[in-house]
C-alpha atoms as a PDB file:
ATOM      1  CA  UNK A   1      87.275 126.764 109.362  1.00  0.00           C
ATOM      2  CA  UNK A   2      89.708 126.999 106.501  1.00  0.00           C
ATOM      3  CA  UNK A   3      90.663 123.998 104.428  1.00  0.00           C
ATOM      4  CA  UNK A   4      94.252 124.172 105.697  1.00  0.00           C
ATOM      5  CA  UNK A   5      93.082 123.755 109.296  1.00  0.00           C
ATOM      6  CA  UNK A   6      90.757 120.897 108.336  1.00  0.00           C
ATOM      7  CA  UNK A   7      93.587 119.048 106.552  1.00  0.00           C
ATOM      8  CA  UNK A   8      95.836 119.552 109.565  1.00  0.00           C
ATOM      9  CA  UNK A   9      93.167 118.009 111.810  1.00  0.00           C
ATOM     10  CA  UNK A  10      92.520 115.141 109.399  1.00  0.00           C
ATOM     11  CA  UNK A  11      96.253 114.441 109.082  1.00  0.00           C
ATOM     12  CA  UNK A  12      96.433 113.323 112.705  1.00  0.00           C
ATOM     13  CA  UNK A  13      93.272 111.196 112.524  1.00  0.00           C
ATOM     14  CA  UNK A  14      93.618 109.364 109.209  1.00  0.00           C
ATOM     15  CA  UNK A  15      96.280 106.740 108.566  1.00  0.00           C
ATOM     16  CA  UNK A  16      98.929 107.464 105.992  1.00  0.00           C
ATOM     17  CA  UNK A  17      97.575 105.903 102.816  1.00  0.00           C
ATOM     18  CA  UNK A  18     100.841 104.834 101.266  1.00  0.00           C
ATOM     19  CA  UNK A  19     100.269 101.531  99.487  1.00  0.00           C
ATOM     20  CA  UNK A  20     103.119  99.112  99.041  1.00  0.00           C
ATOM     21  CA  UNK A  21     103.913  97.762  95.583  1.00  0.00           C
ATOM     22  CA  UNK A  22     102.546  94.337  94.836  1.00  0.00           C
ATOM     23  CA  UNK A  23     104.877  91.970  92.980  1.00  0.00           C
ATOM     24  CA  UNK A  24     103.611  91.282  89.489  1.00  0.00           C
ATOM     25  CA  UNK A  25     101.491  94.434  89.367  1.00  0.00           C
ATOM     26  CA  UNK A  26     103.419  97.418  88.116  1.00  0.00           C
ATOM     27  CA  UNK A  27     102.623 101.062  87.804  1.00  0.00           C
ATOM     28  CA  UNK A  28      99.197 102.543  88.233  1.00  0.00           C
ATOM     29  CA  UNK A  29      97.336  99.240  88.744  1.00  0.00           C
ATOM     30  CA  UNK A  30      99.136  98.488  91.997  1.00  0.00           C
ATOM     31  CA  UNK A  31      98.814 102.064  93.225  1.00  0.00           C
ATOM     32  CA  UNK A  32      95.102 102.336  92.398  1.00  0.00           C
ATOM     33  CA  UNK A  33      94.414  98.968  94.051  1.00  0.00           C
ATOM     34  CA  UNK A  34      96.175 100.107  97.220  1.00  0.00           C
ATOM     35  CA  UNK A  35      94.381 103.433  97.354  1.00  0.00           C
ATOM     36  CA  UNK A  36      91.085 101.673  96.592  1.00  0.00           C
ATOM     37  CA  UNK A  37      91.492  99.480  99.678  1.00  0.00           C
ATOM     38  CA  UNK A  38      92.145 102.542 101.826  1.00  0.00           C
ATOM     39  CA  UNK A  39      89.038 104.207 100.385  1.00  0.00           C
ATOM     40  CA  UNK A  40      86.955 101.126 101.249  1.00  0.00           C
ATOM     41  CA  UNK A  41      88.316 101.313 104.787  1.00  0.00           C
ATOM     42  CA  UNK A  42      87.409 104.993 105.097  1.00  0.00           C
ATOM     43  CA  UNK A  43      83.969 104.387 103.559  1.00  0.00           C
ATOM     44  CA  UNK A  44      83.351 101.648 106.130  1.00  0.00           C
ATOM     45  CA  UNK A  45      84.282 104.016 108.929  1.00  0.00           C
ATOM     46  CA  UNK A  46      81.923 106.595 107.447  1.00  0.00           C
ATOM     47  CA  UNK A  47      79.109 104.023 107.331  1.00  0.00           C
ATOM     48  CA  UNK A  48      79.618 103.205 111.006  1.00  0.00           C
ATOM     49  CA  UNK A  49      79.492 106.904 111.891  1.00  0.00           C
ATOM     50  CA  UNK A  50      76.364 107.385 109.750  1.00  0.00           C
ATOM     51  CA  UNK A  51      74.719 104.393 111.449  1.00  0.00           C
ATOM     52  CA  UNK A  52      75.455 105.875 114.876  1.00  0.00           C
ATOM     53  CA  UNK A  53      73.954 109.162 113.694  1.00  0.00           C
ATOM     54  CA  UNK A  54      70.823 107.409 112.395  1.00  0.00           C
ATOM     55  CA  UNK A  55      70.506 105.513 115.677  1.00  0.00           C
ATOM     56  CA  UNK A  56      70.703 108.739 117.651  1.00  0.00           C
ATOM     57  CA  UNK A  57      68.120 110.512 115.501  1.00  0.00           C
ATOM     58  CA  UNK A  58      65.765 107.611 114.682  1.00  0.00           C
ATOM     59  CA  UNK A  59      62.128 107.343 115.637  1.00  0.00           C
ATOM     60  CA  UNK A  60      62.005 105.302 118.828  1.00  0.00           C
ATOM     61  CA  UNK A  61      58.328 104.313 118.500  1.00  0.00           C
ATOM     62  CA  UNK A  62      57.219 100.750 117.821  1.00  0.00           C
ATOM     63  CA  UNK A  63      56.571 101.258 114.124  1.00  0.00           C
ATOM     64  CA  UNK A  64      59.829 103.053 113.337  1.00  0.00           C
ATOM     65  CA  UNK A  65      62.516 101.355 111.252  1.00  0.00           C
ATOM     66  CA  UNK A  66      64.678 100.343 114.190  1.00  0.00           C
ATOM     67  CA  UNK A  67      67.021  97.965 112.367  1.00  0.00           C
ATOM     68  CA  UNK A  68      68.262 100.350 109.669  1.00  0.00           C
ATOM     69  CA  UNK A  69      71.024 101.999 111.781  1.00  0.00           C
ATOM     70  CA  UNK A  70      72.347  98.575 112.685  1.00  0.00           C
ATOM     71  CA  UNK A  71      72.474  97.633 109.006  1.00  0.00           C
ATOM     72  CA  UNK A  72      74.637 100.700 108.330  1.00  0.00           C
ATOM     73  CA  UNK A  73      76.910  99.970 111.275  1.00  0.00           C
ATOM     74  CA  UNK A  74      77.186  96.260 110.427  1.00  0.00           C
ATOM     75  CA  UNK A  75      78.025  96.987 106.800  1.00  0.00           C
ATOM     76  CA  UNK A  76      80.610  99.549 107.843  1.00  0.00           C
ATOM     77  CA  UNK A  77      82.271  97.167 110.284  1.00  0.00           C
ATOM     78  CA  UNK A  78      82.291  94.427 107.631  1.00  0.00           C
ATOM     79  CA  UNK A  79      83.909  96.798 105.104  1.00  0.00           C
ATOM     80  CA  UNK A  80      86.554  97.835 107.651  1.00  0.00           C
ATOM     81  CA  UNK A  81      87.355  94.238 108.554  1.00  0.00           C
ATOM     82  CA  UNK A  82      87.485  93.068 104.949  1.00  0.00           C
ATOM     83  CA  UNK A  83      89.695  95.867 103.661  1.00  0.00           C
ATOM     84  CA  UNK A  84      91.897  95.741 106.764  1.00  0.00           C
ATOM     85  CA  UNK A  85      92.408  92.012 106.298  1.00  0.00           C
ATOM     86  CA  UNK A  86      93.247  92.390 102.599  1.00  0.00           C
ATOM     87  CA  UNK A  87      95.681  95.247 103.363  1.00  0.00           C
ATOM     88  CA  UNK A  88      97.362  93.115 106.043  1.00  0.00           C
ATOM     89  CA  UNK A  89      97.605  90.077 103.767  1.00  0.00           C
ATOM     90  CA  UNK A  90      99.062  92.123 100.897  1.00  0.00           C
ATOM     91  CA  UNK A  91     101.589  93.800 103.191  1.00  0.00           C
ATOM     92  CA  UNK A  92     102.593  90.357 104.495  1.00  0.00           C
ATOM     93  CA  UNK A  93     103.046  89.026 100.949  1.00  0.00           C
ATOM     94  CA  UNK A  94     104.978  92.052  99.723  1.00  0.00           C
ATOM     95  CA  UNK A  95     107.001  92.735 102.875  1.00  0.00           C
END
């Protein structure tokens, strides 16, 4: 698969990461903060996916580490909720 095809597929799946300017923060600080929140959101989604993968491939015996996939998924969901809430609050303040 070429990189052009992969970007075309990702374009439909990922939200448009276009941060809004925050009053009082000018220039690169506001832009980096906005992109940083979107990266935290995408990292949280990646952690949830990795947790699902670990759950599917984990050792199902009694002495296997059964709680580790749930730690990944829980951390990913927490990151998604936290960054989503901060993005929503900032858009409400700015907009």
